[in-house]
C-alpha cells in the first residue's frame, strides 16, 4: 500500500496494524470527504445562483457530479485491490448503486421540507437553510455513504484481486 509508506515507523505498532487493517474503509472515507466538498460546493453554488427556489434539484445535481468524481476515485484508489467485473459492467453497477444512494441522500431533506414543512413561509429562511444543511449535507450524505460502502463491496467490487493481477489492469 504505497499511500501508507513513509513515516510509519513513528506510528505505534498497534495503531499501525489497526490503520492497515482498515485501509480500504479509510480510503473510502477520504473519497467520501472529498466528494462531500464537491457536492456541497455545487449545491451552494446552484442555490445561490440559478436554483434559489429549488433546493432538492440543487441537491440532486450536486450528488450527480460528486458521484462521477466518486467513481473515478473509488475505482482507482479506494477499491483498486478489488474488481471481478468488466469495466463497463462495473461502471453500470456503480452508477445504479449511486442512483439508489441519491434517493437515500434526498430522503431526509425532502421529509423535512415536505412532510414536516420546515420551509419558508412556515419557518424563516435561516431555519430552512440550517435544516437543509443538516438533513441534506449531514444526515443524507452519511446515510448514503454507509449504504454505498456496503453496496460497492458487495455488488460492484466483490472480489479481492491478487497483487500480480493488479499489474495487468
C-alpha atoms as a PDB file:
ATOM      1  CA  UNK A   1       0.000   0.000   0.000  1.00  0.00           C
ATOM      2  CA  UNK A   2       2.147   2.776  -1.358  1.00  0.00           C
ATOM      3  CA  UNK A   3      -0.061   5.550   0.056  1.00  0.00           C
ATOM      4  CA  UNK A   4       0.828   4.347   3.545  1.00  0.00           C
ATOM      5  CA  UNK A   5       4.610   4.263   3.151  1.00  0.00           C
ATOM      6  CA  UNK A   6       6.926   6.749   4.767  1.00  0.00           C
ATOM      7  CA  UNK A   7       6.814   7.914   8.332  1.00  0.00           C
ATOM      8  CA  UNK A   8       5.108   4.758   9.584  1.00  0.00           C
ATOM      9  CA  UNK A   9       7.969   3.991  11.957  1.00  0.00           C
ATOM     10  CA  UNK A  10       6.698   6.852  14.157  1.00  0.00           C
ATOM     11  CA  UNK A  11       3.237   5.284  14.441  1.00  0.00           C
ATOM     12  CA  UNK A  12       2.911   2.817  17.338  1.00  0.00           C
ATOM     13  CA  UNK A  13       2.711  -0.780  16.052  1.00  0.00           C
ATOM     14  CA  UNK A  14      -0.777  -1.357  17.469  1.00  0.00           C
ATOM     15  CA  UNK A  15      -2.108   1.754  15.687  1.00  0.00           C
ATOM     16  CA  UNK A  16      -0.237   0.839  12.505  1.00  0.00           C
ATOM     17  CA  UNK A  17      -1.885  -2.582  12.445  1.00  0.00           C
ATOM     18  CA  UNK A  18      -5.305  -1.037  13.066  1.00  0.00           C
ATOM     19  CA  UNK A  19      -4.866   1.522  10.271  1.00  0.00           C
ATOM     20  CA  UNK A  20      -3.544  -1.048   7.811  1.00  0.00           C
ATOM     21  CA  UNK A  21      -6.360  -3.478   8.578  1.00  0.00           C
ATOM     22  CA  UNK A  22      -8.915  -0.731   7.844  1.00  0.00           C
ATOM     23  CA  UNK A  23      -7.124   0.851   4.873  1.00  0.00           C
ATOM     24  CA  UNK A  24      -9.978   0.295   2.439  1.00  0.00           C
ATOM     25  CA  UNK A  25     -12.632   1.923   4.620  1.00  0.00           C
ATOM     26  CA  UNK A  26     -10.256   4.808   5.430  1.00  0.00           C
ATOM     27  CA  UNK A  27      -9.661   5.421   1.719  1.00  0.00           C
ATOM     28  CA  UNK A  28     -13.399   5.205   1.084  1.00  0.00           C
ATOM     29  CA  UNK A  29     -13.976   7.759   3.850  1.00  0.00           C
ATOM     30  CA  UNK A  30     -11.343  10.072   2.334  1.00  0.00           C
ATOM     31  CA  UNK A  31     -13.067   9.834  -1.046  1.00  0.00           C
ATOM     32  CA  UNK A  32     -16.370  10.490   0.717  1.00  0.00           C
ATOM     33  CA  UNK A  33     -14.950  13.592   2.390  1.00  0.00           C
ATOM     34  CA  UNK A  34     -13.585  14.854  -0.924  1.00  0.00           C
ATOM     35  CA  UNK A  35     -16.837  14.288  -2.763  1.00  0.00           C
ATOM     36  CA  UNK A  36     -18.755  15.860   0.149  1.00  0.00           C
ATOM     37  CA  UNK A  37     -16.882  19.085  -0.551  1.00  0.00           C
ATOM     38  CA  UNK A  38     -17.568  18.731  -4.284  1.00  0.00           C
ATOM     39  CA  UNK A  39     -21.267  18.129  -3.589  1.00  0.00           C
ATOM     40  CA  UNK A  40     -21.516  20.966  -1.063  1.00  0.00           C
ATOM     41  CA  UNK A  41     -19.771  23.407  -3.400  1.00  0.00           C
ATOM     42  CA  UNK A  42     -22.042  22.547  -6.313  1.00  0.00           C
ATOM     43  CA  UNK A  43     -25.217  22.610  -4.195  1.00  0.00           C
ATOM     44  CA  UNK A  44     -24.499  26.003  -2.683  1.00  0.00           C
ATOM     45  CA  UNK A  45     -23.251  27.476  -5.956  1.00  0.00           C
ATOM     46  CA  UNK A  46     -26.550  26.449  -7.579  1.00  0.00           C
ATOM     47  CA  UNK A  47     -28.709  27.525  -4.632  1.00  0.00           C
ATOM     48  CA  UNK A  48     -27.076  30.945  -4.533  1.00  0.00           C
ATOM     49  CA  UNK A  49     -27.476  31.498  -8.286  1.00  0.00           C
ATOM     50  CA  UNK A  50     -29.801  29.684 -10.701  1.00  0.00           C
ATOM     51  CA  UNK A  51     -31.713  27.314  -8.388  1.00  0.00           C
ATOM     52  CA  UNK A  52     -32.521  29.564  -5.441  1.00  0.00           C
ATOM     53  CA  UNK A  53     -36.069  28.212  -5.101  1.00  0.00           C
ATOM     54  CA  UNK A  54     -35.233  24.566  -5.866  1.00  0.00           C
ATOM     55  CA  UNK A  55     -33.037  23.139  -3.076  1.00  0.00           C
ATOM     56  CA  UNK A  56     -33.845  19.489  -3.838  1.00  0.00           C
ATOM     57  CA  UNK A  57     -32.961  19.954  -7.517  1.00  0.00           C
ATOM     58  CA  UNK A  58     -29.680  21.578  -6.477  1.00  0.00           C
ATOM     59  CA  UNK A  59     -29.070  18.629  -4.156  1.00  0.00           C
ATOM     60  CA  UNK A  60     -29.691  16.099  -6.945  1.00  0.00           C
ATOM     61  CA  UNK A  61     -27.285  17.882  -9.316  1.00  0.00           C
ATOM     62  CA  UNK A  62     -24.623  18.150  -6.604  1.00  0.00           C
ATOM     63  CA  UNK A  63     -24.929  14.455  -5.842  1.00  0.00           C
ATOM     64  CA  UNK A  64     -24.701  13.550  -9.542  1.00  0.00           C
ATOM     65  CA  UNK A  65     -21.477  15.496 -10.067  1.00  0.00           C
ATOM     66  CA  UNK A  66     -19.999  14.155  -6.827  1.00  0.00           C
ATOM     67  CA  UNK A  67     -20.926  10.617  -7.944  1.00  0.00           C
ATOM     68  CA  UNK A  68     -18.891  10.931 -11.124  1.00  0.00           C
ATOM     69  CA  UNK A  69     -15.888  12.106  -9.099  1.00  0.00           C
ATOM     70  CA  UNK A  70     -16.553   9.300  -6.619  1.00  0.00           C
ATOM     71  CA  UNK A  71     -16.473   6.587  -9.302  1.00  0.00           C
ATOM     72  CA  UNK A  72     -13.102   7.717 -10.557  1.00  0.00           C
ATOM     73  CA  UNK A  73     -11.543   7.994  -7.085  1.00  0.00           C
ATOM     74  CA  UNK A  74     -13.066   4.787  -5.734  1.00  0.00           C
ATOM     75  CA  UNK A  75     -12.163   2.747  -8.822  1.00  0.00           C
ATOM     76  CA  UNK A  76      -8.605   3.984  -8.974  1.00  0.00           C
ATOM     77  CA  UNK A  77      -7.827   4.243  -5.256  1.00  0.00           C
ATOM     78  CA  UNK A  78     -10.288   3.016  -2.597  1.00  0.00           C
ATOM     79  CA  UNK A  79     -11.147  -0.280  -4.275  1.00  0.00           C
ATOM     80  CA  UNK A  80      -8.080  -0.612  -6.506  1.00  0.00           C
ATOM     81  CA  UNK A  81      -7.403  -4.038  -4.991  1.00  0.00           C
ATOM     82  CA  UNK A  82     -10.922  -5.239  -5.827  1.00  0.00           C
ATOM     83  CA  UNK A  83     -12.718  -5.985  -9.032  1.00  0.00           C
ATOM     84  CA  UNK A  84     -14.142  -9.088 -10.589  1.00  0.00           C
ATOM     85  CA  UNK A  85     -16.129  -7.402 -13.336  1.00  0.00           C
ATOM     86  CA  UNK A  86     -15.501  -5.876 -16.728  1.00  0.00           C
ATOM     87  CA  UNK A  87     -15.127  -2.110 -16.561  1.00  0.00           C
ATOM     88  CA  UNK A  88     -18.403  -1.267 -18.328  1.00  0.00           C
ATOM     89  CA  UNK A  89     -20.373  -3.685 -16.126  1.00  0.00           C
ATOM     90  CA  UNK A  90     -18.637  -2.331 -13.035  1.00  0.00           C
ATOM     91  CA  UNK A  91     -19.408   1.275 -14.041  1.00  0.00           C
ATOM     92  CA  UNK A  92     -23.064   0.439 -14.713  1.00  0.00           C
ATOM     93  CA  UNK A  93     -23.385  -1.211 -11.300  1.00  0.00           C
ATOM     94  CA  UNK A  94     -21.574   1.693  -9.631  1.00  0.00           C
ATOM     95  CA  UNK A  95     -23.980   4.216 -11.114  1.00  0.00           C
ATOM     96  CA  UNK A  96     -27.002   2.027 -10.263  1.00  0.00           C
ATOM     97  CA  UNK A  97     -25.856   1.845  -6.627  1.00  0.00           C
ATOM     98  CA  UNK A  98     -25.165   5.568  -6.725  1.00  0.00           C
ATOM     99  CA  UNK A  99     -28.647   6.263  -8.117  1.00  0.00           C
ATOM    100  CA  UNK A 100     -30.109   4.463  -5.126  1.00  0.00           C
ATOM    101  CA  UNK A 101     -27.740   6.464  -2.919  1.00  0.00           C
ATOM    102  CA  UNK A 102     -29.096   9.698  -4.457  1.00  0.00           C
ATOM    103  CA  UNK A 103     -32.541   8.664  -3.239  1.00  0.00           C
ATOM    104  CA  UNK A 104     -31.124   7.864   0.205  1.00  0.00           C
ATOM    105  CA  UNK A 105     -29.389  11.262   0.249  1.00  0.00           C
ATOM    106  CA  UNK A 106     -32.501  13.209  -0.724  1.00  0.00           C
ATOM    107  CA  UNK A 107     -34.995  11.458   1.595  1.00  0.00           C
ATOM    108  CA  UNK A 108     -34.120  13.252   4.884  1.00  0.00           C
ATOM    109  CA  UNK A 109     -34.178  16.707   3.282  1.00  0.00           C
ATOM    110  CA  UNK A 110     -37.401  16.004   1.371  1.00  0.00           C
ATOM    111  CA  UNK A 111     -39.050  14.720   4.578  1.00  0.00           C
ATOM    112  CA  UNK A 112     -38.017  17.878   6.439  1.00  0.00           C
ATOM    113  CA  UNK A 113     -39.238  20.153   3.642  1.00  0.00           C
ATOM    114  CA  UNK A 114     -42.419  18.436   2.510  1.00  0.00           C
ATOM    115  CA  UNK A 115     -43.663  16.357   5.440  1.00  0.00           C
ATOM    116  CA  UNK A 116     -42.532  18.469   8.410  1.00  0.00           C
ATOM    117  CA  UNK A 117     -42.889  21.709   6.366  1.00  0.00           C
ATOM    118  CA  UNK A 118     -39.568  23.117   7.544  1.00  0.00           C
ATOM    119  CA  UNK A 119     -39.561  25.663   4.743  1.00  0.00           C
ATOM    120  CA  UNK A 120     -40.459  29.258   4.061  1.00  0.00           C
ATOM    121  CA  UNK A 121     -43.139  30.611   4.816  1.00  0.00           C
ATOM    122  CA  UNK A 122     -43.642  28.191   7.740  1.00  0.00           C
ATOM    123  CA  UNK A 123     -40.162  28.934   9.101  1.00  0.00           C
ATOM    124  CA  UNK A 124     -37.560  31.626   8.496  1.00  0.00           C
ATOM    125  CA  UNK A 125     -35.162  31.363   5.558  1.00  0.00           C
ATOM    126  CA  UNK A 126     -32.327  30.853   8.053  1.00  0.00           C
ATOM    127  CA  UNK A 127     -34.149  27.948   9.736  1.00  0.00           C
ATOM    128  CA  UNK A 128     -34.813  26.345   6.363  1.00  0.00           C
ATOM    129  CA  UNK A 129     -31.161  26.769   5.359  1.00  0.00           C
ATOM    130  CA  UNK A 130     -29.961  25.138   8.600  1.00  0.00           C
ATOM    131  CA  UNK A 131     -32.486  22.322   8.194  1.00  0.00           C
ATOM    132  CA  UNK A 132     -31.440  21.782   4.564  1.00  0.00           C
ATOM    133  CA  UNK A 133     -27.794  21.623   5.595  1.00  0.00           C
ATOM    134  CA  UNK A 134     -28.365  19.206   8.477  1.00  0.00           C
ATOM    135  CA  UNK A 135     -30.799  16.921   6.654  1.00  0.00           C
ATOM    136  CA  UNK A 136     -29.106  17.059   3.243  1.00  0.00           C
ATOM    137  CA  UNK A 137     -25.417  17.645   3.758  1.00  0.00           C
ATOM    138  CA  UNK A 138     -25.025  15.759   7.034  1.00  0.00           C
ATOM    139  CA  UNK A 139     -27.724  13.128   7.600  1.00  0.00           C
ATOM    140  CA  UNK A 140     -28.470  12.355   3.955  1.00  0.00           C
ATOM    141  CA  UNK A 141     -24.827  12.119   2.950  1.00  0.00           C
ATOM    142  CA  UNK A 142     -23.916   9.937   5.956  1.00  0.00           C
ATOM    143  CA  UNK A 143     -26.783   7.520   5.323  1.00  0.00           C
ATOM    144  CA  UNK A 144     -25.877   7.305   1.640  1.00  0.00           C
ATOM    145  CA  UNK A 145     -22.185   6.768   2.464  1.00  0.00           C
ATOM    146  CA  UNK A 146     -22.934   3.762   4.677  1.00  0.00           C
ATOM    147  CA  UNK A 147     -25.241   2.335   2.018  1.00  0.00           C
ATOM    148  CA  UNK A 148     -22.706   2.896  -0.756  1.00  0.00           C
ATOM    149  CA  UNK A 149     -19.788   1.306   1.114  1.00  0.00           C
ATOM    150  CA  UNK A 150     -21.830  -1.821   1.755  1.00  0.00           C
ATOM    151  CA  UNK A 151     -23.230  -1.992  -1.798  1.00  0.00           C
ATOM    152  CA  UNK A 152     -19.934  -1.234  -3.558  1.00  0.00           C
ATOM    153  CA  UNK A 153     -18.108  -4.002  -1.706  1.00  0.00           C
ATOM    154  CA  UNK A 154     -20.996  -6.420  -2.155  1.00  0.00           C
ATOM    155  CA  UNK A 155     -22.020  -5.808  -5.775  1.00  0.00           C
ATOM    156  CA  UNK A 156     -19.612  -3.543  -7.669  1.00  0.00           C
ATOM    157  CA  UNK A 157     -16.140  -4.541  -6.443  1.00  0.00           C
ATOM    158  CA  UNK A 158     -16.860  -8.003  -4.977  1.00  0.00           C
ATOM    159  CA  UNK A 159     -13.545  -9.781  -5.421  1.00  0.00           C
ATOM    160  CA  UNK A 160     -10.159  -9.138  -3.894  1.00  0.00           C
ATOM    161  CA  UNK A 161      -7.567  -9.094  -6.709  1.00  0.00           C
ATOM    162  CA  UNK A 162      -4.204 -10.716  -6.116  1.00  0.00           C
ATOM    163  CA  UNK A 163      -1.186  -8.407  -6.456  1.00  0.00           C
ATOM    164  CA  UNK A 164       0.111  -9.881  -9.782  1.00  0.00           C
ATOM    165  CA  UNK A 165      -3.365  -9.462 -11.311  1.00  0.00           C
ATOM    166  CA  UNK A 166      -3.426  -5.783 -10.281  1.00  0.00           C
ATOM    167  CA  UNK A 167      -0.425  -5.102 -12.516  1.00  0.00           C
ATOM    168  CA  UNK A 168      -2.408  -6.340 -15.561  1.00  0.00           C
ATOM    169  CA  UNK A 169      -5.149  -3.699 -15.070  1.00  0.00           C
END
